[in-house]
Amino acid sequence: MSRTCRRCLQSYLPSDNTPASCPFHPMTFATRPHPAHHYAFEIDDEYMKTLEGWISACWECCGSEQKDAPGCKASMHVSYDDPLPSDIQ
């Protein structure tokens, strides 16, 4: 009988569940203003003014800027029938 993983929402068979079955991000995808002075280089003063406060978005765990990026960690799938592991409580 297949189950649904509460991390990745994929269907899986318990007999096929391995420690690398479920790729996931352990932290959130965050969107926030990004300070332009973060960069160690300068392009020119006028261009730098346009970067001030631009929006940055990334996975806080690995820095990937694509929301649909594959998970940076892997673990066994966690069914809704199983107790919650500490990393998703």
PDB file of N, CA and C in Angstrom:
ATOM      1  N   MET A   1       0.829  -1.182   0.000  1.00  0.00           N
ATOM      2  CA  MET A   1       0.000   0.000   0.000  1.00  0.00           C
ATOM      3  C   MET A   1       0.878   1.252   0.000  1.00  0.00           C
ATOM      4  N   SER A   2       0.637   2.141  -0.930  1.00  0.00           N
ATOM      5  CA  SER A   2       1.486   3.332  -1.011  1.00  0.00           C
ATOM      6  C   SER A   2       1.091   4.358   0.045  1.00  0.00           C
ATOM      7  N   ARG A   3       2.070   5.177   0.399  1.00  0.00           N
ATOM      8  CA  ARG A   3       1.876   6.251   1.379  1.00  0.00           C
ATOM      9  C   ARG A   3       2.278   7.569   0.735  1.00  0.00           C
ATOM     10  N   THR A   4       1.933   8.653   1.383  1.00  0.00           N
ATOM     11  CA  THR A   4       2.310   9.984   0.897  1.00  0.00           C
ATOM     12  C   THR A   4       3.293  10.597   1.888  1.00  0.00           C
ATOM     13  N   CYS A   5       4.388  11.124   1.364  1.00  0.00           N
ATOM     14  CA  CYS A   5       5.411  11.741   2.201  1.00  0.00           C
ATOM     15  C   CYS A   5       4.967  13.157   2.591  1.00  0.00           C
ATOM     16  N   ARG A   6       5.071  13.469   3.869  1.00  0.00           N
ATOM     17  CA  ARG A   6       4.669  14.798   4.317  1.00  0.00           C
ATOM     18  C   ARG A   6       5.719  15.870   4.010  1.00  0.00           C
ATOM     19  N   ARG A   7       6.933  15.474   3.642  1.00  0.00           N
ATOM     20  CA  ARG A   7       7.949  16.458   3.248  1.00  0.00           C
ATOM     21  C   ARG A   7       7.809  16.839   1.775  1.00  0.00           C
ATOM     22  N   CYS A   8       7.844  15.841   0.902  1.00  0.00           N
ATOM     23  CA  CYS A   8       7.889  16.099  -0.547  1.00  0.00           C
ATOM     24  C   CYS A   8       6.556  15.832  -1.250  1.00  0.00           C
ATOM     25  N   LEU A   9       5.597  15.271  -0.524  1.00  0.00           N
ATOM     26  CA  LEU A   9       4.254  14.984  -1.034  1.00  0.00           C
ATOM     27  C   LEU A   9       4.219  13.938  -2.143  1.00  0.00           C
ATOM     28  N   GLN A  10       5.294  13.184  -2.300  1.00  0.00           N
ATOM     29  CA  GLN A  10       5.321  12.111  -3.290  1.00  0.00           C
ATOM     30  C   GLN A  10       4.736  10.837  -2.691  1.00  0.00           C
ATOM     31  N   SER A  11       4.168  10.028  -3.561  1.00  0.00           N
ATOM     32  CA  SER A  11       3.697   8.696  -3.162  1.00  0.00           C
ATOM     33  C   SER A  11       4.891   7.743  -3.151  1.00  0.00           C
ATOM     34  N   TYR A  12       4.927   6.857  -2.189  1.00  0.00           N
ATOM     35  CA  TYR A  12       6.023   5.895  -2.130  1.00  0.00           C
ATOM     36  C   TYR A  12       5.540   4.603  -1.485  1.00  0.00           C
ATOM     37  N   LEU A  13       6.273   3.555  -1.735  1.00  0.00           N
ATOM     38  CA  LEU A  13       6.020   2.274  -1.085  1.00  0.00           C
ATOM     39  C   LEU A  13       7.001   2.131   0.082  1.00  0.00           C
ATOM     40  N   PRO A  14       6.525   1.773   1.254  1.00  0.00           N
ATOM     41  CA  PRO A  14       7.439   1.617   2.391  1.00  0.00           C
ATOM     42  C   PRO A  14       8.605   0.680   2.094  1.00  0.00           C
ATOM     43  N   SER A  15       8.391  -0.326   1.284  1.00  0.00           N
ATOM     44  CA  SER A  15       9.467  -1.272   0.961  1.00  0.00           C
ATOM     45  C   SER A  15      10.569  -0.632   0.106  1.00  0.00           C
ATOM     46  N   ASP A  16      10.248   0.493  -0.573  1.00  0.00           N
ATOM     47  CA  ASP A  16      11.237   1.189  -1.410  1.00  0.00           C
ATOM     48  C   ASP A  16      11.846   2.404  -0.719  1.00  0.00           C
ATOM     49  N   ASN A  17      11.498   2.646   0.520  1.00  0.00           N
ATOM     50  CA  ASN A  17      11.953   3.832   1.247  1.00  0.00           C
ATOM     51  C   ASN A  17      13.385   3.641   1.745  1.00  0.00           C
ATOM     52  N   THR A  18      14.301   4.463   1.229  1.00  0.00           N
ATOM     53  CA  THR A  18      15.714   4.384   1.619  1.00  0.00           C
ATOM     54  C   THR A  18      16.143   5.710   2.247  1.00  0.00           C
ATOM     55  N   PRO A  19      17.323   5.767   2.855  1.00  0.00           N
ATOM     56  CA  PRO A  19      17.799   7.022   3.443  1.00  0.00           C
ATOM     57  C   PRO A  19      18.012   8.157   2.432  1.00  0.00           C
ATOM     58  N   ALA A  20      17.945   7.858   1.135  1.00  0.00           N
ATOM     59  CA  ALA A  20      18.110   8.907   0.119  1.00  0.00           C
ATOM     60  C   ALA A  20      16.835   9.106  -0.712  1.00  0.00           C
ATOM     61  N   SER A  21      15.721   8.561  -0.276  1.00  0.00           N
ATOM     62  CA  SER A  21      14.480   8.613  -1.061  1.00  0.00           C
ATOM     63  C   SER A  21      13.865  10.006  -1.175  1.00  0.00           C
ATOM     64  N   CYS A  22      14.020  10.814  -0.148  1.00  0.00           N
ATOM     65  CA  CYS A  22      13.301  12.088  -0.090  1.00  0.00           C
ATOM     66  C   CYS A  22      14.255  13.275  -0.046  1.00  0.00           C
ATOM     67  N   PRO A  23      14.516  13.898  -1.206  1.00  0.00           N
ATOM     68  CA  PRO A  23      15.323  15.124  -1.187  1.00  0.00           C
ATOM     69  C   PRO A  23      14.442  16.284  -0.703  1.00  0.00           C
ATOM     70  N   PHE A  24      14.978  17.104   0.188  1.00  0.00           N
ATOM     71  CA  PHE A  24      14.192  18.212   0.735  1.00  0.00           C
ATOM     72  C   PHE A  24      15.108  19.344   1.199  1.00  0.00           C
ATOM     73  N   HIS A  25      14.517  20.485   1.471  1.00  0.00           N
ATOM     74  CA  HIS A  25      15.227  21.631   2.049  1.00  0.00           C
ATOM     75  C   HIS A  25      14.818  21.726   3.515  1.00  0.00           C
ATOM     76  N   PRO A  26      15.781  21.677   4.443  1.00  0.00           N
ATOM     77  CA  PRO A  26      15.437  21.722   5.863  1.00  0.00           C
ATOM     78  C   PRO A  26      15.064  23.116   6.362  1.00  0.00           C
ATOM     79  N   MET A  27      15.294  24.135   5.547  1.00  0.00           N
ATOM     80  CA  MET A  27      14.955  25.500   5.952  1.00  0.00           C
ATOM     81  C   MET A  27      14.002  26.106   4.925  1.00  0.00           C
ATOM     82  N   THR A  28      13.544  27.302   5.179  1.00  0.00           N
ATOM     83  CA  THR A  28      12.529  27.933   4.336  1.00  0.00           C
ATOM     84  C   THR A  28      13.124  28.664   3.139  1.00  0.00           C
ATOM     85  N   PHE A  29      12.261  28.908   2.157  1.00  0.00           N
ATOM     86  CA  PHE A  29      12.605  29.737   1.008  1.00  0.00           C
ATOM     87  C   PHE A  29      12.239  31.159   1.414  1.00  0.00           C
ATOM     88  N   ALA A  30      13.220  32.014   1.539  1.00  0.00           N
ATOM     89  CA  ALA A  30      13.003  33.362   2.072  1.00  0.00           C
ATOM     90  C   ALA A  30      13.148  34.414   0.980  1.00  0.00           C
ATOM     91  N   THR A  31      12.295  35.408   1.052  1.00  0.00           N
ATOM     92  CA  THR A  31      12.356  36.555   0.152  1.00  0.00           C
ATOM     93  C   THR A  31      12.465  37.790   1.030  1.00  0.00           C
ATOM     94  N   ARG A  32      13.505  38.571   0.801  1.00  0.00           N
ATOM     95  CA  ARG A  32      13.718  39.769   1.623  1.00  0.00           C
ATOM     96  C   ARG A  32      14.565  40.774   0.867  1.00  0.00           C
ATOM     97  N   PRO A  33      14.524  42.022   1.293  1.00  0.00           N
ATOM     98  CA  PRO A  33      15.407  43.020   0.661  1.00  0.00           C
ATOM     99  C   PRO A  33      16.869  42.618   0.842  1.00  0.00           C
ATOM    100  N   HIS A  34      17.661  42.882  -0.143  1.00  0.00           N
ATOM    101  CA  HIS A  34      19.069  42.508  -0.130  1.00  0.00           C
ATOM    102  C   HIS A  34      19.901  43.783  -0.237  1.00  0.00           C
ATOM    103  N   PRO A  35      20.772  44.054   0.705  1.00  0.00           N
ATOM    104  CA  PRO A  35      21.558  45.285   0.641  1.00  0.00           C
ATOM    105  C   PRO A  35      22.581  45.250  -0.495  1.00  0.00           C
ATOM    106  N   ALA A  36      22.671  46.331  -1.242  1.00  0.00           N
ATOM    107  CA  ALA A  36      23.599  46.391  -2.374  1.00  0.00           C
ATOM    108  C   ALA A  36      25.051  46.371  -1.905  1.00  0.00           C
ATOM    109  N   HIS A  37      25.321  46.854  -0.706  1.00  0.00           N
ATOM    110  CA  HIS A  37      26.712  46.904  -0.226  1.00  0.00           C
ATOM    111  C   HIS A  37      27.250  45.514   0.111  1.00  0.00           C
ATOM    112  N   HIS A  38      26.431  44.482  -0.087  1.00  0.00           N
ATOM    113  CA  HIS A  38      26.858  43.099   0.122  1.00  0.00           C
ATOM    114  C   HIS A  38      28.000  42.732  -0.836  1.00  0.00           C
ATOM    115  N   TYR A  39      28.030  43.363  -1.978  1.00  0.00           N
ATOM    116  CA  TYR A  39      29.029  43.015  -2.986  1.00  0.00           C
ATOM    117  C   TYR A  39      30.362  43.676  -2.707  1.00  0.00           C
ATOM    118  N   ALA A  40      31.422  42.963  -2.950  1.00  0.00           N
ATOM    119  CA  ALA A  40      32.764  43.478  -2.703  1.00  0.00           C
ATOM    120  C   ALA A  40      33.299  44.234  -3.912  1.00  0.00           C
ATOM    121  N   PHE A  41      32.548  44.249  -5.009  1.00  0.00           N
ATOM    122  CA  PHE A  41      33.002  44.965  -6.197  1.00  0.00           C
ATOM    123  C   PHE A  41      32.086  46.149  -6.461  1.00  0.00           C
ATOM    124  N   GLU A  42      32.562  47.064  -7.259  1.00  0.00           N
ATOM    125  CA  GLU A  42      31.744  48.206  -7.646  1.00  0.00           C
ATOM    126  C   GLU A  42      31.674  48.249  -9.162  1.00  0.00           C
ATOM    127  N   ILE A  43      30.483  48.446  -9.664  1.00  0.00           N
ATOM    128  CA  ILE A  43      30.308  48.561 -11.112  1.00  0.00           C
ATOM    129  C   ILE A  43      30.439  50.035 -11.474  1.00  0.00           C
ATOM    130  N   ASP A  44      29.525  50.825 -11.002  1.00  0.00           N
ATOM    131  CA  ASP A  44      29.634  52.273 -11.010  1.00  0.00           C
ATOM    132  C   ASP A  44      28.599  52.797 -10.021  1.00  0.00           C
ATOM    133  N   ASP A  45      28.787  54.007  -9.574  1.00  0.00           N
ATOM    134  CA  ASP A  45      27.938  54.541  -8.511  1.00  0.00           C
ATOM    135  C   ASP A  45      26.463  54.586  -8.885  1.00  0.00           C
ATOM    136  N   GLU A  46      26.142  54.974 -10.113  1.00  0.00           N
ATOM    137  CA  GLU A  46      24.739  55.068 -10.517  1.00  0.00           C
ATOM    138  C   GLU A  46      24.081  53.687 -10.534  1.00  0.00           C
ATOM    139  N   TYR A  47      24.780  52.686 -11.040  1.00  0.00           N
ATOM    140  CA  TYR A  47      24.219  51.333 -11.075  1.00  0.00           C
ATOM    141  C   TYR A  47      24.034  50.790  -9.661  1.00  0.00           C
ATOM    142  N   MET A  48      24.979  51.049  -8.779  1.00  0.00           N
ATOM    143  CA  MET A  48      24.877  50.577  -7.403  1.00  0.00           C
ATOM    144  C   MET A  48      23.651  51.174  -6.718  1.00  0.00           C
ATOM    145  N   LYS A  49      23.292  52.412  -7.049  1.00  0.00           N
ATOM    146  CA  LYS A  49      22.092  53.032  -6.460  1.00  0.00           C
ATOM    147  C   LYS A  49      20.838  52.271  -6.867  1.00  0.00           C
ATOM    148  N   THR A  50      20.814  51.714  -8.076  1.00  0.00           N
ATOM    149  CA  THR A  50      19.635  50.970  -8.520  1.00  0.00           C
ATOM    150  C   THR A  50      19.523  49.625  -7.811  1.00  0.00           C
ATOM    151  N   LEU A  51      20.610  49.097  -7.285  1.00  0.00           N
ATOM    152  CA  LEU A  51      20.584  47.815  -6.580  1.00  0.00           C
ATOM    153  C   LEU A  51      20.149  47.954  -5.134  1.00  0.00           C
ATOM    154  N   GLU A  52      20.214  49.156  -4.579  1.00  0.00           N
ATOM    155  CA  GLU A  52      19.910  49.356  -3.170  1.00  0.00           C
ATOM    156  C   GLU A  52      18.522  48.819  -2.834  1.00  0.00           C
ATOM    157  N   GLY A  53      18.463  47.842  -1.950  1.00  0.00           N
ATOM    158  CA  GLY A  53      17.201  47.294  -1.496  1.00  0.00           C
ATOM    159  C   GLY A  53      16.527  46.335  -2.461  1.00  0.00           C
ATOM    160  N   TRP A  54      17.234  45.807  -3.486  1.00  0.00           N
ATOM    161  CA  TRP A  54      16.585  44.859  -4.392  1.00  0.00           C
ATOM    162  C   TRP A  54      16.214  43.594  -3.643  1.00  0.00           C
ATOM    163  N   ILE A  55      15.226  42.899  -4.154  1.00  0.00           N
ATOM    164  CA  ILE A  55      14.685  41.728  -3.467  1.00  0.00           C
ATOM    165  C   ILE A  55      15.528  40.492  -3.771  1.00  0.00           C
ATOM    166  N   SER A  56      15.873  39.783  -2.739  1.00  0.00           N
ATOM    167  CA  SER A  56      16.638  38.547  -2.853  1.00  0.00           C
ATOM    168  C   SER A  56      15.749  37.394  -2.397  1.00  0.00           C
ATOM    169  N   ALA A  57      15.830  36.276  -3.075  1.00  0.00           N
ATOM    170  CA  ALA A  57      15.058  35.099  -2.680  1.00  0.00           C
ATOM    171  C   ALA A  57      15.951  33.872  -2.792  1.00  0.00           C
ATOM    172  N   CYS A  58      15.969  33.059  -1.739  1.00  0.00           N
ATOM    173  CA  CYS A  58      16.774  31.837  -1.773  1.00  0.00           C
ATOM    174  C   CYS A  58      16.351  30.898  -0.658  1.00  0.00           C
ATOM    175  N   TRP A  59      16.771  29.646  -0.811  1.00  0.00           N
ATOM    176  CA  TRP A  59      16.611  28.674   0.270  1.00  0.00           C
ATOM    177  C   TRP A  59      17.642  29.030   1.335  1.00  0.00           C
ATOM    178  N   GLU A  60      17.216  29.197   2.564  1.00  0.00           N
ATOM    179  CA  GLU A  60      18.133  29.604   3.628  1.00  0.00           C
ATOM    180  C   GLU A  60      19.149  28.518   3.983  1.00  0.00           C
ATOM    181  N   CYS A  61      18.842  27.277   3.661  1.00  0.00           N
ATOM    182  CA  CYS A  61      19.745  26.176   4.002  1.00  0.00           C
ATOM    183  C   CYS A  61      20.942  26.077   3.055  1.00  0.00           C
ATOM    184  N   CYS A  62      20.718  26.298   1.762  1.00  0.00           N
ATOM    185  CA  CYS A  62      21.791  26.056   0.794  1.00  0.00           C
ATOM    186  C   CYS A  62      22.097  27.264  -0.093  1.00  0.00           C
ATOM    187  N   GLY A  63      21.245  28.270  -0.062  1.00  0.00           N
ATOM    188  CA  GLY A  63      21.483  29.469  -0.864  1.00  0.00           C
ATOM    189  C   GLY A  63      20.978  29.393  -2.290  1.00  0.00           C
ATOM    190  N   SER A  64      20.401  28.276  -2.689  1.00  0.00           N
ATOM    191  CA  SER A  64      19.879  28.169  -4.052  1.00  0.00           C
ATOM    192  C   SER A  64      18.794  29.210  -4.262  1.00  0.00           C
ATOM    193  N   GLU A  65      18.841  29.901  -5.398  1.00  0.00           N
ATOM    194  CA  GLU A  65      17.889  30.983  -5.670  1.00  0.00           C
ATOM    195  C   GLU A  65      16.666  30.530  -6.452  1.00  0.00           C
ATOM    196  N   GLN A  66      16.568  29.245  -6.749  1.00  0.00           N
ATOM    197  CA  GLN A  66      15.415  28.735  -7.493  1.00  0.00           C
ATOM    198  C   GLN A  66      14.483  28.004  -6.540  1.00  0.00           C
ATOM    199  N   LYS A  67      13.231  28.452  -6.504  1.00  0.00           N
ATOM    200  CA  LYS A  67      12.275  27.862  -5.566  1.00  0.00           C
ATOM    201  C   LYS A  67      12.057  26.373  -5.829  1.00  0.00           C
ATOM    202  N   ASP A  68      12.159  25.968  -7.091  1.00  0.00           N
ATOM    203  CA  ASP A  68      11.946  24.550  -7.419  1.00  0.00           C
ATOM    204  C   ASP A  68      13.242  23.748  -7.470  1.00  0.00           C
ATOM    205  N   ALA A  69      14.311  24.263  -6.878  1.00  0.00           N
ATOM    206  CA  ALA A  69      15.595  23.550  -6.846  1.00  0.00           C
ATOM    207  C   ALA A  69      15.436  22.239  -6.077  1.00  0.00           C
ATOM    208  N   PRO A  70      16.134  21.185  -6.513  1.00  0.00           N
ATOM    209  CA  PRO A  70      16.071  19.926  -5.774  1.00  0.00           C
ATOM    210  C   PRO A  70      16.561  20.128  -4.340  1.00  0.00           C
ATOM    211  N   GLY A  71      16.050  19.337  -3.432  1.00  0.00           N
ATOM    212  CA  GLY A  71      16.444  19.457  -2.033  1.00  0.00           C
ATOM    213  C   GLY A  71      17.944  19.305  -1.837  1.00  0.00           C
ATOM    214  N   CYS A  72      18.458  19.984  -0.836  1.00  0.00           N
ATOM    215  CA  CYS A  72      19.900  19.928  -0.570  1.00  0.00           C
ATOM    216  C   CYS A  72      20.240  18.857   0.467  1.00  0.00           C
ATOM    217  N   LYS A  73      19.242  18.257   1.087  1.00  0.00           N
ATOM    218  CA  LYS A  73      19.433  17.136   2.008  1.00  0.00           C
ATOM    219  C   LYS A  73      18.529  15.999   1.560  1.00  0.00           C
ATOM    220  N   ALA A  74      18.831  14.825   2.015  1.00  0.00           N
ATOM    221  CA  ALA A  74      17.982  13.671   1.695  1.00  0.00           C
ATOM    222  C   ALA A  74      17.786  12.845   2.958  1.00  0.00           C
ATOM    223  N   SER A  75      16.646  12.212   3.008  1.00  0.00           N
ATOM    224  CA  SER A  75      16.311  11.366   4.141  1.00  0.00           C
ATOM    225  C   SER A  75      15.269  10.362   3.675  1.00  0.00           C
ATOM    226  N   MET A  76      14.800   9.548   4.577  1.00  0.00           N
ATOM    227  CA  MET A  76      13.705   8.646   4.252  1.00  0.00           C
ATOM    228  C   MET A  76      12.412   9.453   4.175  1.00  0.00           C
ATOM    229  N   HIS A  77      11.483   8.991   3.353  1.00  0.00           N
ATOM    230  CA  HIS A  77      10.168   9.612   3.320  1.00  0.00           C
ATOM    231  C   HIS A  77       9.531   9.497   4.703  1.00  0.00           C
ATOM    232  N   VAL A  78       8.686  10.453   5.037  1.00  0.00           N
ATOM    233  CA  VAL A  78       7.966  10.441   6.312  1.00  0.00           C
ATOM    234  C   VAL A  78       6.483  10.436   6.003  1.00  0.00           C
ATOM    235  N   SER A  79       5.821   9.363   6.374  1.00  0.00           N
ATOM    236  CA  SER A  79       4.393   9.212   6.115  1.00  0.00           C
ATOM    237  C   SER A  79       3.582  10.020   7.127  1.00  0.00           C
ATOM    238  N   TYR A  80       2.378  10.360   6.736  1.00  0.00           N
ATOM    239  CA  TYR A  80       1.458  10.999   7.678  1.00  0.00           C
ATOM    240  C   TYR A  80       1.081  10.037   8.804  1.00  0.00           C
ATOM    241  N   ASP A  81       1.336   8.752   8.613  1.00  0.00           N
ATOM    242  CA  ASP A  81       1.064   7.748   9.644  1.00  0.00           C
ATOM    243  C   ASP A  81       2.198   7.632  10.667  1.00  0.00           C
ATOM    244  N   ASP A  82       3.356   8.201  10.339  1.00  0.00           N
ATOM    245  CA  ASP A  82       4.523   8.116  11.221  1.00  0.00           C
ATOM    246  C   ASP A  82       4.591   9.343  12.135  1.00  0.00           C
ATOM    247  N   PRO A  83       5.250   9.216  13.290  1.00  0.00           N
ATOM    248  CA  PRO A  83       5.453  10.401  14.137  1.00  0.00           C
ATOM    249  C   PRO A  83       6.332  11.420  13.412  1.00  0.00           C
ATOM    250  N   LEU A  84       6.144  12.680  13.728  1.00  0.00           N
ATOM    251  CA  LEU A  84       6.946  13.740  13.101  1.00  0.00           C
ATOM    252  C   LEU A  84       8.394  13.659  13.552  1.00  0.00           C
ATOM    253  N   PRO A  85       9.341  13.677  12.604  1.00  0.00           N
ATOM    254  CA  PRO A  85      10.744  13.768  12.998  1.00  0.00           C
ATOM    255  C   PRO A  85      11.042  15.191  13.486  1.00  0.00           C
ATOM    256  N   SER A  86      12.087  15.373  14.248  1.00  0.00           N
ATOM    257  CA  SER A  86      12.393  16.675  14.852  1.00  0.00           C
ATOM    258  C   SER A  86      12.661  17.765  13.823  1.00  0.00           C
ATOM    259  N   ASP A  87      13.122  17.412  12.612  1.00  0.00           N
ATOM    260  CA  ASP A  87      13.452  18.458  11.636  1.00  0.00           C
ATOM    261  C   ASP A  87      12.233  19.044  10.915  1.00  0.00           C
ATOM    262  N   ILE A  88      11.036  18.507  11.147  1.00  0.00           N
ATOM    263  CA  ILE A  88       9.859  19.112  10.521  1.00  0.00           C
ATOM    264  C   ILE A  88       8.757  19.417  11.532  1.00  0.00           C
ATOM    265  N   GLN A  89       9.099  19.481  12.793  1.00  0.00           N
ATOM    266  CA  GLN A  89       8.088  19.817  13.806  1.00  0.00           C
ATOM    267  C   GLN A  89       7.916  21.297  13.917  1.00  0.00           C
TER     268      GLN A  89
END
